[in-house]
N, C-alpha and C. Protein backbone atom coordinates (compact mmCIF):
# COMPACT_ATOMS: atom_id res chain seq x y z
N MET A 1 -7.75 21.26 0.48
CA MET A 1 -7.08 21.78 -0.71
C MET A 1 -6.37 20.62 -1.43
N PRO A 2 -6.61 20.43 -2.74
CA PRO A 2 -5.96 19.34 -3.46
C PRO A 2 -4.48 19.64 -3.70
N VAL A 3 -3.71 18.59 -3.99
CA VAL A 3 -2.30 18.76 -4.30
C VAL A 3 -2.17 19.55 -5.60
N GLU A 4 -1.18 20.46 -5.66
CA GLU A 4 -0.97 21.25 -6.86
C GLU A 4 -0.79 20.36 -8.07
N LYS A 5 -1.37 20.78 -9.18
CA LYS A 5 -1.38 19.96 -10.39
C LYS A 5 0.04 19.63 -10.87
N LYS A 6 0.95 20.60 -10.81
CA LYS A 6 2.30 20.37 -11.31
C LYS A 6 3.02 19.31 -10.48
N VAL A 7 2.76 19.30 -9.17
CA VAL A 7 3.39 18.32 -8.29
C VAL A 7 2.83 16.93 -8.58
N LYS A 8 1.54 16.86 -8.78
CA LYS A 8 0.90 15.57 -9.07
C LYS A 8 1.37 15.01 -10.40
N ILE A 9 1.56 15.88 -11.38
CA ILE A 9 2.04 15.44 -12.69
C ILE A 9 3.43 14.83 -12.58
N ILE A 10 4.29 15.45 -11.78
CA ILE A 10 5.66 14.93 -11.59
C ILE A 10 5.61 13.54 -10.96
N LEU A 11 4.78 13.38 -9.94
CA LEU A 11 4.68 12.09 -9.26
C LEU A 11 4.08 11.03 -10.18
N GLU A 12 3.04 11.39 -10.92
CA GLU A 12 2.42 10.42 -11.82
C GLU A 12 3.39 10.00 -12.92
N ARG A 13 4.18 10.93 -13.42
CA ARG A 13 5.18 10.60 -14.44
C ARG A 13 6.22 9.63 -13.87
N ALA A 14 6.62 9.87 -12.63
CA ALA A 14 7.60 8.99 -12.00
C ALA A 14 7.02 7.61 -11.75
N LEU A 15 5.76 7.54 -11.36
CA LEU A 15 5.12 6.25 -11.10
C LEU A 15 4.90 5.44 -12.37
N ARG A 16 4.71 6.11 -13.48
CA ARG A 16 4.52 5.40 -14.74
C ARG A 16 5.82 4.81 -15.26
N ALA A 17 6.94 5.40 -14.90
CA ALA A 17 8.23 4.95 -15.40
C ALA A 17 8.81 3.87 -14.50
N LEU A 18 8.23 2.66 -14.58
CA LEU A 18 8.72 1.54 -13.79
C LEU A 18 10.14 1.19 -14.20
N ASP A 19 11.03 0.98 -13.22
CA ASP A 19 12.43 0.72 -13.52
C ASP A 19 12.63 -0.59 -14.28
N ASP A 20 11.77 -1.59 -14.02
CA ASP A 20 11.98 -2.90 -14.63
C ASP A 20 10.91 -3.23 -15.66
N ALA A 21 10.22 -2.21 -16.17
CA ALA A 21 9.19 -2.43 -17.18
C ALA A 21 9.70 -1.92 -18.54
N PRO A 22 9.33 -2.59 -19.64
CA PRO A 22 9.80 -2.17 -20.96
C PRO A 22 9.22 -0.84 -21.42
N SER A 23 8.07 -0.45 -20.88
CA SER A 23 7.44 0.81 -21.28
C SER A 23 6.62 1.35 -20.11
N PRO A 24 6.34 2.66 -20.11
CA PRO A 24 5.55 3.24 -19.02
C PRO A 24 4.19 2.58 -18.90
N GLY A 25 3.68 2.47 -17.67
CA GLY A 25 2.39 1.84 -17.46
C GLY A 25 1.62 2.53 -16.35
N PRO A 26 0.32 2.30 -16.26
CA PRO A 26 -0.52 3.02 -15.31
C PRO A 26 -0.68 2.34 -13.95
N ARG A 27 -0.09 1.16 -13.74
CA ARG A 27 -0.42 0.37 -12.55
C ARG A 27 -0.24 1.15 -11.25
N LEU A 28 0.93 1.73 -11.04
CA LEU A 28 1.18 2.40 -9.77
C LEU A 28 0.39 3.70 -9.63
N VAL A 29 0.13 4.36 -10.76
CA VAL A 29 -0.72 5.56 -10.70
C VAL A 29 -2.13 5.15 -10.29
N ASP A 30 -2.63 4.07 -10.88
CA ASP A 30 -3.96 3.58 -10.51
C ASP A 30 -4.00 3.16 -9.05
N ASP A 31 -2.94 2.47 -8.59
CA ASP A 31 -2.89 2.03 -7.20
C ASP A 31 -2.85 3.23 -6.24
N ALA A 32 -2.11 4.27 -6.63
CA ALA A 32 -2.03 5.47 -5.79
C ALA A 32 -3.38 6.15 -5.69
N ALA A 33 -4.08 6.26 -6.82
CA ALA A 33 -5.40 6.88 -6.82
C ALA A 33 -6.39 6.06 -5.99
N ARG A 34 -6.26 4.73 -6.08
CA ARG A 34 -7.14 3.86 -5.31
C ARG A 34 -6.85 3.98 -3.82
N LEU A 35 -5.57 4.08 -3.46
CA LEU A 35 -5.18 4.24 -2.06
C LEU A 35 -5.71 5.56 -1.51
N TRP A 36 -5.60 6.62 -2.30
CA TRP A 36 -6.11 7.93 -1.90
C TRP A 36 -7.63 7.87 -1.73
N GLY A 37 -8.31 7.20 -2.66
CA GLY A 37 -9.76 7.07 -2.54
C GLY A 37 -10.16 6.33 -1.27
N ARG A 38 -9.40 5.30 -0.93
CA ARG A 38 -9.69 4.54 0.28
C ARG A 38 -9.47 5.39 1.53
N ALA A 39 -8.35 6.13 1.56
CA ALA A 39 -8.07 7.00 2.71
C ALA A 39 -9.12 8.09 2.85
N ARG A 40 -9.53 8.65 1.72
CA ARG A 40 -10.56 9.70 1.76
C ARG A 40 -11.90 9.13 2.25
N LYS A 41 -12.17 7.88 1.89
CA LYS A 41 -13.40 7.24 2.37
C LYS A 41 -13.36 7.12 3.89
N PHE A 42 -12.19 6.79 4.43
CA PHE A 42 -12.06 6.70 5.89
C PHE A 42 -12.35 8.05 6.55
N VAL A 43 -11.90 9.12 5.91
CA VAL A 43 -12.18 10.46 6.44
C VAL A 43 -13.68 10.71 6.42
N ASP A 44 -14.31 10.35 5.30
CA ASP A 44 -15.76 10.56 5.15
C ASP A 44 -16.55 9.71 6.15
N MET A 45 -15.97 8.60 6.59
CA MET A 45 -16.62 7.74 7.58
C MET A 45 -16.57 8.35 8.98
N GLY A 46 -15.83 9.45 9.13
CA GLY A 46 -15.75 10.12 10.43
C GLY A 46 -14.81 9.44 11.41
N LEU A 47 -13.81 8.72 10.90
CA LEU A 47 -12.89 8.02 11.80
C LEU A 47 -12.03 8.98 12.58
N VAL A 48 -11.80 10.17 12.03
CA VAL A 48 -11.02 11.21 12.72
C VAL A 48 -11.74 12.54 12.53
N GLY A 49 -11.42 13.49 13.36
CA GLY A 49 -11.98 14.82 13.19
C GLY A 49 -11.37 15.52 11.99
N THR A 50 -12.19 16.00 11.08
CA THR A 50 -11.67 16.58 9.84
C THR A 50 -10.85 17.85 10.09
N SER A 51 -11.05 18.51 11.21
CA SER A 51 -10.31 19.74 11.47
C SER A 51 -8.82 19.48 11.67
N GLY A 52 -8.47 18.25 12.07
CA GLY A 52 -7.07 17.94 12.31
C GLY A 52 -6.39 17.24 11.17
N VAL A 53 -7.09 17.03 10.05
CA VAL A 53 -6.53 16.31 8.91
C VAL A 53 -6.20 17.27 7.78
N GLN A 54 -4.95 17.21 7.33
CA GLN A 54 -4.52 18.01 6.19
C GLN A 54 -4.64 17.12 4.95
N LEU A 55 -5.72 17.28 4.21
CA LEU A 55 -6.04 16.37 3.12
C LEU A 55 -5.00 16.38 2.01
N ASP A 56 -4.42 17.56 1.71
CA ASP A 56 -3.42 17.58 0.64
C ASP A 56 -2.17 16.80 1.03
N ALA A 57 -1.81 16.81 2.31
CA ALA A 57 -0.67 16.01 2.76
C ALA A 57 -0.99 14.53 2.70
N LEU A 58 -2.22 14.17 3.05
CA LEU A 58 -2.63 12.77 2.98
C LEU A 58 -2.63 12.29 1.53
N GLU A 59 -3.15 13.10 0.63
CA GLU A 59 -3.16 12.72 -0.79
C GLU A 59 -1.74 12.58 -1.33
N LEU A 60 -0.89 13.53 -1.00
CA LEU A 60 0.49 13.49 -1.47
C LEU A 60 1.21 12.26 -0.93
N ALA A 61 0.93 11.90 0.31
CA ALA A 61 1.53 10.71 0.91
C ALA A 61 1.05 9.44 0.22
N CYS A 62 -0.23 9.40 -0.17
CA CYS A 62 -0.77 8.23 -0.85
C CYS A 62 -0.07 7.98 -2.17
N TYR A 63 0.28 9.05 -2.87
CA TYR A 63 0.99 8.91 -4.13
C TYR A 63 2.47 8.60 -3.89
N SER A 64 3.06 9.28 -2.91
CA SER A 64 4.49 9.10 -2.65
C SER A 64 4.83 7.69 -2.19
N VAL A 65 3.94 7.08 -1.41
CA VAL A 65 4.24 5.77 -0.84
C VAL A 65 4.29 4.68 -1.90
N GLN A 66 3.85 5.00 -3.13
CA GLN A 66 3.95 4.04 -4.24
C GLN A 66 5.32 4.12 -4.93
N LEU A 67 6.05 5.20 -4.72
CA LEU A 67 7.31 5.40 -5.43
C LEU A 67 8.33 4.27 -5.23
N PRO A 68 8.51 3.75 -4.01
CA PRO A 68 9.49 2.67 -3.84
C PRO A 68 9.11 1.37 -4.54
N LEU A 69 7.86 1.24 -4.99
CA LEU A 69 7.41 0.01 -5.62
C LEU A 69 7.71 -0.02 -7.11
N ARG A 70 8.43 0.99 -7.60
CA ARG A 70 8.76 1.01 -9.02
C ARG A 70 9.77 -0.06 -9.38
N GLY A 71 10.48 -0.59 -8.39
CA GLY A 71 11.48 -1.61 -8.66
C GLY A 71 12.86 -0.99 -8.73
N GLY A 72 13.80 -1.75 -9.29
CA GLY A 72 15.18 -1.27 -9.38
C GLY A 72 16.07 -1.97 -8.39
N LYS A 73 17.37 -1.88 -8.60
CA LYS A 73 18.33 -2.64 -7.80
C LYS A 73 18.41 -2.19 -6.36
N ASN A 74 18.02 -0.94 -6.07
CA ASN A 74 18.10 -0.44 -4.69
C ASN A 74 16.84 -0.69 -3.88
N THR A 75 15.84 -1.33 -4.49
CA THR A 75 14.59 -1.58 -3.78
C THR A 75 14.77 -2.72 -2.78
N VAL A 76 14.36 -2.47 -1.55
CA VAL A 76 14.44 -3.49 -0.50
C VAL A 76 13.15 -4.29 -0.50
N ARG A 77 13.26 -5.61 -0.61
CA ARG A 77 12.06 -6.45 -0.62
C ARG A 77 12.18 -7.53 0.45
N GLY A 78 11.04 -7.83 1.04
CA GLY A 78 10.99 -8.87 2.07
C GLY A 78 10.37 -10.12 1.52
N LYS A 79 9.74 -10.90 2.40
CA LYS A 79 9.10 -12.14 2.00
C LYS A 79 7.97 -11.86 1.03
N LEU A 80 7.76 -12.78 0.12
CA LEU A 80 6.69 -12.70 -0.88
C LEU A 80 6.82 -11.47 -1.78
N GLY A 81 8.06 -10.96 -1.90
CA GLY A 81 8.30 -9.85 -2.81
C GLY A 81 7.82 -8.50 -2.31
N ARG A 82 7.38 -8.42 -1.05
CA ARG A 82 6.83 -7.17 -0.53
C ARG A 82 7.93 -6.33 0.12
N THR A 83 7.85 -5.02 -0.08
CA THR A 83 8.78 -4.12 0.58
C THR A 83 8.28 -3.85 2.00
N PRO A 84 9.10 -4.10 3.04
CA PRO A 84 8.66 -3.83 4.41
C PRO A 84 8.17 -2.38 4.54
N LEU A 85 7.10 -2.19 5.32
CA LEU A 85 6.46 -0.88 5.39
C LEU A 85 7.41 0.21 5.88
N ARG A 86 8.25 -0.11 6.86
CA ARG A 86 9.18 0.91 7.36
C ARG A 86 10.14 1.36 6.27
N ASP A 87 10.71 0.39 5.55
CA ASP A 87 11.63 0.73 4.46
C ASP A 87 10.89 1.49 3.36
N ARG A 88 9.69 1.03 3.06
CA ARG A 88 8.89 1.67 2.00
C ARG A 88 8.59 3.13 2.35
N ALA A 89 8.22 3.39 3.60
CA ALA A 89 7.88 4.75 4.01
C ALA A 89 9.11 5.66 3.99
N GLU A 90 10.25 5.15 4.47
CA GLU A 90 11.47 5.94 4.48
C GLU A 90 11.93 6.26 3.07
N GLN A 91 11.88 5.24 2.19
CA GLN A 91 12.25 5.47 0.79
C GLN A 91 11.32 6.48 0.15
N ALA A 92 10.02 6.37 0.46
CA ALA A 92 9.03 7.27 -0.13
C ALA A 92 9.32 8.72 0.24
N ALA A 93 9.66 8.96 1.50
CA ALA A 93 9.95 10.33 1.94
C ALA A 93 11.17 10.88 1.21
N GLU A 94 12.20 10.06 1.07
CA GLU A 94 13.41 10.51 0.38
C GLU A 94 13.13 10.79 -1.10
N LEU A 95 12.41 9.89 -1.74
CA LEU A 95 12.11 10.05 -3.16
C LEU A 95 11.21 11.25 -3.40
N LEU A 96 10.26 11.48 -2.50
CA LEU A 96 9.37 12.63 -2.64
C LEU A 96 10.15 13.93 -2.62
N VAL A 97 11.03 14.07 -1.65
CA VAL A 97 11.83 15.30 -1.54
C VAL A 97 12.71 15.47 -2.78
N GLY A 98 13.29 14.36 -3.25
CA GLY A 98 14.13 14.44 -4.43
C GLY A 98 13.38 14.83 -5.69
N LEU A 99 12.13 14.42 -5.78
CA LEU A 99 11.35 14.68 -6.99
C LEU A 99 10.71 16.06 -7.01
N VAL A 100 10.13 16.48 -5.89
CA VAL A 100 9.34 17.72 -5.89
C VAL A 100 9.81 18.71 -4.82
N GLY A 101 11.00 18.52 -4.29
CA GLY A 101 11.49 19.39 -3.23
C GLY A 101 11.53 20.86 -3.62
N ASP A 102 11.76 21.13 -4.90
CA ASP A 102 11.82 22.53 -5.36
C ASP A 102 10.53 22.98 -6.02
N GLN A 103 9.48 22.14 -5.96
CA GLN A 103 8.21 22.47 -6.61
C GLN A 103 7.06 22.59 -5.61
N ALA A 104 7.08 21.77 -4.58
CA ALA A 104 5.97 21.74 -3.63
C ALA A 104 6.14 22.79 -2.54
N ASP A 105 5.03 23.18 -1.95
CA ASP A 105 5.04 24.10 -0.81
C ASP A 105 5.83 23.46 0.33
N GLU A 106 6.69 24.23 0.96
CA GLU A 106 7.59 23.69 1.99
C GLU A 106 6.83 23.11 3.18
N SER A 107 5.78 23.79 3.63
CA SER A 107 5.02 23.30 4.78
C SER A 107 4.28 22.01 4.42
N LEU A 108 3.77 21.92 3.19
CA LEU A 108 3.11 20.70 2.75
C LEU A 108 4.10 19.55 2.67
N LEU A 109 5.28 19.82 2.16
CA LEU A 109 6.31 18.79 2.04
C LEU A 109 6.73 18.30 3.43
N ASP A 110 6.89 19.22 4.38
CA ASP A 110 7.26 18.84 5.74
C ASP A 110 6.17 17.97 6.38
N ARG A 111 4.93 18.37 6.21
CA ARG A 111 3.82 17.60 6.78
C ARG A 111 3.76 16.20 6.16
N THR A 112 3.93 16.11 4.85
CA THR A 112 3.84 14.83 4.16
C THR A 112 4.97 13.89 4.58
N THR A 113 6.17 14.40 4.69
CA THR A 113 7.28 13.54 5.11
C THR A 113 7.09 13.07 6.56
N ARG A 114 6.50 13.93 7.41
CA ARG A 114 6.18 13.51 8.77
C ARG A 114 5.17 12.37 8.76
N VAL A 115 4.16 12.52 7.91
CA VAL A 115 3.15 11.46 7.78
C VAL A 115 3.81 10.16 7.38
N LEU A 116 4.66 10.20 6.36
CA LEU A 116 5.31 8.99 5.86
C LEU A 116 6.19 8.35 6.93
N HIS A 117 6.94 9.15 7.66
CA HIS A 117 7.83 8.60 8.69
C HIS A 117 7.04 7.99 9.85
N GLU A 118 5.83 8.50 10.11
CA GLU A 118 5.03 7.98 11.22
C GLU A 118 4.21 6.74 10.85
N VAL A 119 4.00 6.51 9.56
CA VAL A 119 3.14 5.41 9.13
C VAL A 119 3.50 4.06 9.75
N PRO A 120 4.79 3.69 9.85
CA PRO A 120 5.11 2.36 10.41
C PRO A 120 5.00 2.29 11.93
N HIS A 121 4.82 3.42 12.61
CA HIS A 121 4.80 3.42 14.07
C HIS A 121 3.54 2.74 14.61
N ARG A 122 3.70 2.11 15.75
CA ARG A 122 2.55 1.44 16.38
C ARG A 122 1.49 2.45 16.80
N GLN A 123 1.92 3.61 17.27
CA GLN A 123 0.99 4.65 17.69
C GLN A 123 1.39 5.98 17.04
N PRO A 124 1.03 6.20 15.77
CA PRO A 124 1.35 7.48 15.12
C PRO A 124 0.67 8.64 15.83
N ILE A 125 1.29 9.80 15.75
CA ILE A 125 0.71 11.00 16.34
C ILE A 125 -0.27 11.66 15.38
N LEU A 126 0.11 11.75 14.12
CA LEU A 126 -0.71 12.44 13.13
C LEU A 126 -1.86 11.54 12.66
N ASP A 127 -3.05 12.14 12.56
CA ASP A 127 -4.20 11.39 12.07
C ASP A 127 -3.99 10.92 10.64
N GLU A 128 -3.31 11.73 9.83
CA GLU A 128 -3.05 11.33 8.45
C GLU A 128 -2.24 10.05 8.39
N ALA A 129 -1.29 9.89 9.30
CA ALA A 129 -0.47 8.68 9.33
C ALA A 129 -1.29 7.45 9.71
N LYS A 130 -2.22 7.63 10.66
CA LYS A 130 -3.10 6.52 11.05
C LYS A 130 -3.98 6.09 9.89
N LEU A 131 -4.54 7.08 9.19
CA LEU A 131 -5.42 6.79 8.06
C LEU A 131 -4.64 6.10 6.94
N LEU A 132 -3.45 6.60 6.64
CA LEU A 132 -2.65 6.01 5.57
C LEU A 132 -2.20 4.60 5.94
N ALA A 133 -1.81 4.40 7.19
CA ALA A 133 -1.39 3.07 7.63
C ALA A 133 -2.51 2.06 7.48
N ASP A 134 -3.72 2.44 7.88
CA ASP A 134 -4.85 1.52 7.75
C ASP A 134 -5.19 1.27 6.28
N ALA A 135 -5.07 2.30 5.46
CA ALA A 135 -5.36 2.14 4.03
C ALA A 135 -4.35 1.19 3.38
N ILE A 136 -3.09 1.31 3.75
CA ILE A 136 -2.04 0.42 3.21
C ILE A 136 -2.24 -0.99 3.73
N ASN A 137 -2.48 -1.13 5.03
CA ASN A 137 -2.61 -2.47 5.62
C ASN A 137 -3.85 -3.20 5.09
N LEU A 138 -4.88 -2.45 4.77
CA LEU A 138 -6.08 -3.08 4.21
C LEU A 138 -5.79 -3.69 2.84
N GLU A 139 -4.75 -3.19 2.19
CA GLU A 139 -4.37 -3.71 0.87
C GLU A 139 -4.02 -5.19 0.93
N ASP A 140 -3.56 -5.66 2.06
CA ASP A 140 -3.21 -7.08 2.22
C ASP A 140 -4.44 -7.98 2.22
N PHE A 141 -5.58 -7.41 2.50
CA PHE A 141 -6.79 -8.20 2.68
C PHE A 141 -7.68 -8.10 1.45
N GLY A 142 -8.34 -9.21 1.13
CA GLY A 142 -9.28 -9.20 0.02
C GLY A 142 -8.67 -9.65 -1.29
N VAL A 143 -9.51 -9.75 -2.29
CA VAL A 143 -9.08 -10.24 -3.60
C VAL A 143 -8.13 -9.26 -4.27
N VAL A 144 -8.36 -7.96 -4.10
CA VAL A 144 -7.44 -6.98 -4.67
C VAL A 144 -6.04 -7.18 -4.10
N GLY A 145 -5.96 -7.37 -2.79
CA GLY A 145 -4.66 -7.62 -2.17
C GLY A 145 -4.00 -8.86 -2.71
N LEU A 146 -4.79 -9.89 -2.98
CA LEU A 146 -4.25 -11.13 -3.53
C LEU A 146 -3.68 -10.90 -4.92
N PHE A 147 -4.36 -10.09 -5.73
CA PHE A 147 -3.85 -9.78 -7.06
C PHE A 147 -2.55 -8.97 -6.98
N VAL A 148 -2.51 -8.00 -6.07
CA VAL A 148 -1.30 -7.19 -5.91
C VAL A 148 -0.14 -8.07 -5.50
N GLN A 149 -0.37 -8.97 -4.55
CA GLN A 149 0.66 -9.89 -4.10
C GLN A 149 1.12 -10.79 -5.24
N SER A 150 0.18 -11.25 -6.06
CA SER A 150 0.51 -12.12 -7.19
C SER A 150 1.40 -11.40 -8.20
N ILE A 151 1.12 -10.11 -8.42
CA ILE A 151 1.94 -9.32 -9.33
C ILE A 151 3.37 -9.24 -8.82
N GLU A 152 3.52 -8.95 -7.52
CA GLU A 152 4.85 -8.83 -6.94
C GLU A 152 5.59 -10.17 -7.00
N ILE A 153 4.89 -11.26 -6.73
CA ILE A 153 5.52 -12.58 -6.78
C ILE A 153 5.96 -12.90 -8.20
N ALA A 154 5.12 -12.56 -9.18
CA ALA A 154 5.46 -12.83 -10.58
C ALA A 154 6.67 -12.01 -11.01
N ARG A 155 6.76 -10.78 -10.52
CA ARG A 155 7.92 -9.94 -10.86
C ARG A 155 9.20 -10.52 -10.32
N GLY A 156 9.08 -11.32 -9.26
CA GLY A 156 10.26 -11.98 -8.68
C GLY A 156 10.58 -13.31 -9.33
N GLY A 157 9.79 -13.70 -10.33
CA GLY A 157 10.08 -14.92 -11.07
C GLY A 157 9.28 -16.13 -10.63
N ASP A 158 8.43 -16.00 -9.62
CA ASP A 158 7.62 -17.12 -9.16
C ASP A 158 6.24 -17.07 -9.80
N GLY A 159 5.40 -18.09 -9.47
CA GLY A 159 4.11 -18.18 -10.13
C GLY A 159 2.98 -18.61 -9.23
N VAL A 160 1.99 -19.28 -9.82
CA VAL A 160 0.76 -19.62 -9.13
C VAL A 160 1.00 -20.52 -7.93
N LEU A 161 1.89 -21.49 -8.07
CA LEU A 161 2.18 -22.41 -6.96
C LEU A 161 2.70 -21.66 -5.75
N GLN A 162 3.55 -20.66 -6.00
CA GLN A 162 4.11 -19.89 -4.89
C GLN A 162 3.06 -18.99 -4.25
N VAL A 163 2.12 -18.50 -5.06
CA VAL A 163 1.01 -17.72 -4.51
C VAL A 163 0.19 -18.57 -3.56
N SER A 164 -0.16 -19.78 -4.01
CA SER A 164 -0.95 -20.70 -3.19
C SER A 164 -0.19 -21.09 -1.92
N ASP A 165 1.11 -21.36 -2.08
CA ASP A 165 1.92 -21.73 -0.91
C ASP A 165 1.99 -20.59 0.09
N GLY A 166 2.09 -19.37 -0.41
CA GLY A 166 2.14 -18.21 0.48
C GLY A 166 0.85 -18.04 1.27
N ILE A 167 -0.29 -18.29 0.62
CA ILE A 167 -1.58 -18.20 1.31
C ILE A 167 -1.65 -19.26 2.41
N ASP A 168 -1.23 -20.48 2.10
CA ASP A 168 -1.25 -21.56 3.09
C ASP A 168 -0.39 -21.23 4.30
N LYS A 169 0.81 -20.70 4.06
CA LYS A 169 1.72 -20.39 5.16
C LYS A 169 1.17 -19.28 6.03
N ARG A 170 0.52 -18.31 5.44
CA ARG A 170 -0.07 -17.23 6.24
C ARG A 170 -1.15 -17.77 7.17
N GLU A 171 -1.91 -18.73 6.69
CA GLU A 171 -2.93 -19.36 7.54
C GLU A 171 -2.28 -20.17 8.65
N GLN A 172 -1.27 -20.97 8.30
CA GLN A 172 -0.62 -21.86 9.26
C GLN A 172 0.05 -21.09 10.40
N TYR A 173 0.68 -19.98 10.07
CA TYR A 173 1.45 -19.24 11.07
C TYR A 173 0.66 -18.14 11.76
N GLY A 174 -0.66 -18.09 11.52
CA GLY A 174 -1.49 -17.09 12.20
C GLY A 174 -1.22 -15.67 11.76
N TYR A 175 -0.76 -15.52 10.52
CA TYR A 175 -0.44 -14.19 10.00
C TYR A 175 -1.65 -13.26 10.02
N TRP A 176 -2.79 -13.78 9.56
CA TRP A 176 -3.98 -12.92 9.46
C TRP A 176 -4.48 -12.47 10.83
N ASP A 177 -4.45 -13.38 11.80
CA ASP A 177 -4.90 -13.01 13.15
C ASP A 177 -4.02 -11.92 13.73
N ALA A 178 -2.71 -12.05 13.50
CA ALA A 178 -1.79 -11.04 14.01
C ALA A 178 -2.01 -9.69 13.34
N ARG A 179 -2.23 -9.72 12.03
CA ARG A 179 -2.47 -8.47 11.31
C ARG A 179 -3.78 -7.82 11.73
N LEU A 180 -4.81 -8.62 11.95
CA LEU A 180 -6.09 -8.07 12.39
C LEU A 180 -5.96 -7.43 13.77
N LYS A 181 -5.14 -8.02 14.60
CA LYS A 181 -4.98 -7.52 15.97
C LYS A 181 -4.16 -6.24 16.01
N ASP A 182 -3.04 -6.21 15.29
CA ASP A 182 -2.08 -5.12 15.44
C ASP A 182 -1.97 -4.20 14.22
N GLY A 183 -2.63 -4.54 13.11
CA GLY A 183 -2.38 -3.80 11.88
C GLY A 183 -3.30 -2.63 11.62
N PHE A 184 -4.24 -2.36 12.53
CA PHE A 184 -5.21 -1.30 12.26
C PHE A 184 -5.40 -0.40 13.47
N HIS A 185 -5.65 0.86 13.19
CA HIS A 185 -5.88 1.85 14.24
C HIS A 185 -7.37 2.12 14.46
N PHE A 186 -8.21 1.69 13.52
CA PHE A 186 -9.63 2.00 13.59
C PHE A 186 -10.44 0.71 13.45
N GLU A 187 -11.36 0.50 14.39
CA GLU A 187 -12.14 -0.74 14.40
C GLU A 187 -13.00 -0.90 13.14
N PRO A 188 -13.62 0.15 12.59
CA PRO A 188 -14.40 -0.04 11.36
C PRO A 188 -13.55 -0.57 10.20
N VAL A 189 -12.28 -0.17 10.13
CA VAL A 189 -11.40 -0.67 9.08
C VAL A 189 -11.05 -2.13 9.34
N ARG A 190 -10.84 -2.46 10.62
CA ARG A 190 -10.58 -3.86 10.99
C ARG A 190 -11.76 -4.75 10.58
N LYS A 191 -12.96 -4.24 10.73
CA LYS A 191 -14.16 -5.00 10.34
C LYS A 191 -14.17 -5.25 8.83
N ILE A 192 -13.81 -4.22 8.05
CA ILE A 192 -13.72 -4.38 6.59
C ILE A 192 -12.68 -5.45 6.24
N ALA A 193 -11.55 -5.42 6.97
CA ALA A 193 -10.49 -6.40 6.71
C ALA A 193 -10.97 -7.82 6.96
N ARG A 194 -11.74 -8.02 8.03
CA ARG A 194 -12.28 -9.36 8.32
C ARG A 194 -13.18 -9.84 7.19
N GLN A 195 -14.01 -8.95 6.68
CA GLN A 195 -14.91 -9.31 5.59
C GLN A 195 -14.13 -9.66 4.33
N ARG A 196 -13.11 -8.89 4.04
CA ARG A 196 -12.30 -9.16 2.85
C ARG A 196 -11.51 -10.46 3.00
N LEU A 197 -11.09 -10.76 4.21
CA LEU A 197 -10.33 -11.98 4.44
C LEU A 197 -11.15 -13.21 4.08
N GLU A 198 -12.43 -13.16 4.35
CA GLU A 198 -13.30 -14.29 3.98
C GLU A 198 -13.33 -14.48 2.47
N HIS A 199 -13.28 -13.41 1.72
CA HIS A 199 -13.23 -13.51 0.26
C HIS A 199 -11.95 -14.21 -0.19
N VAL A 200 -10.83 -13.84 0.43
CA VAL A 200 -9.54 -14.45 0.08
C VAL A 200 -9.56 -15.95 0.39
N ARG A 201 -10.13 -16.30 1.53
CA ARG A 201 -10.17 -17.72 1.90
C ARG A 201 -11.01 -18.53 0.91
N GLN A 202 -12.07 -17.95 0.41
CA GLN A 202 -12.88 -18.64 -0.60
C GLN A 202 -12.09 -18.82 -1.89
N VAL A 203 -11.39 -17.78 -2.31
CA VAL A 203 -10.58 -17.87 -3.53
C VAL A 203 -9.45 -18.89 -3.33
N ALA A 204 -8.86 -18.89 -2.14
CA ALA A 204 -7.76 -19.81 -1.86
C ALA A 204 -8.21 -21.26 -1.96
N LYS A 205 -9.41 -21.56 -1.50
CA LYS A 205 -9.94 -22.92 -1.60
C LYS A 205 -10.11 -23.34 -3.05
N LEU A 206 -10.64 -22.44 -3.87
CA LEU A 206 -10.81 -22.74 -5.29
C LEU A 206 -9.46 -22.92 -5.98
N LEU A 207 -8.50 -22.06 -5.64
CA LEU A 207 -7.17 -22.15 -6.23
C LEU A 207 -6.51 -23.47 -5.88
N LYS A 208 -6.57 -23.84 -4.60
CA LYS A 208 -5.95 -25.10 -4.16
C LYS A 208 -6.63 -26.29 -4.82
N LYS A 209 -7.93 -26.24 -4.97
CA LYS A 209 -8.68 -27.34 -5.60
C LYS A 209 -8.22 -27.54 -7.04
N GLU A 210 -8.09 -26.43 -7.78
CA GLU A 210 -7.69 -26.54 -9.17
C GLU A 210 -6.24 -27.02 -9.29
N LEU A 211 -5.38 -26.55 -8.40
CA LEU A 211 -3.99 -26.99 -8.44
C LEU A 211 -3.86 -28.47 -8.11
N ASP A 212 -4.66 -28.93 -7.15
CA ASP A 212 -4.65 -30.36 -6.80
C ASP A 212 -5.14 -31.20 -7.96
N GLU A 213 -6.13 -30.70 -8.68
CA GLU A 213 -6.66 -31.43 -9.84
C GLU A 213 -5.63 -31.53 -10.96
N ASP A 214 -4.75 -30.51 -11.06
CA ASP A 214 -3.77 -30.49 -12.14
C ASP A 214 -2.48 -31.24 -11.78
N THR A 215 -2.35 -31.61 -10.50
CA THR A 215 -1.13 -32.30 -10.07
C THR A 215 -1.20 -33.77 -10.45
N PRO A 216 -0.20 -34.29 -11.20
CA PRO A 216 -0.23 -35.71 -11.60
C PRO A 216 -0.04 -36.63 -10.40
């Protein structure tokens, strides 16, 4: 069952109203739809039994988890401008209840907040939380993830040099190996992440080459 239209409209309106943007924009709505599409693809891949997955809660969680990324003075951000997943999930649950608590079905809201709270756990109980966690973690990998990271870095006032430096540091400190080992609950998703990582490494080489050429 899809999320009720009125609830989705409220969330999309909230996602378009970025706190630090001069006018409403589609970025977070597009990202939410893309995250939901990715999670739904995982379901279609048979990673979990469909009888145990509440799709409307998973879809609602995919949209809600974008809410903390709107910006604002109360947003908690970590290294490279990223909001830590635990903080992001907790904020998302609070914002969801505040936005649609009197509009959404109570059982759906309860299930969705449970999903959000379980997402950062090493071993979530709910299948929806495992699927959402893998969908979010996959965002770090690949060219799309690099663009998302670049947007966040730019919003913090940094630029291309800092993007390149961040890529180098992740390689030096074994960030990718650690994420591949511990960041996924399903091996097929881990395989996709490995493939996307190779794309990022190719782009990183080209980026570093051009920056070196431009350095006096």
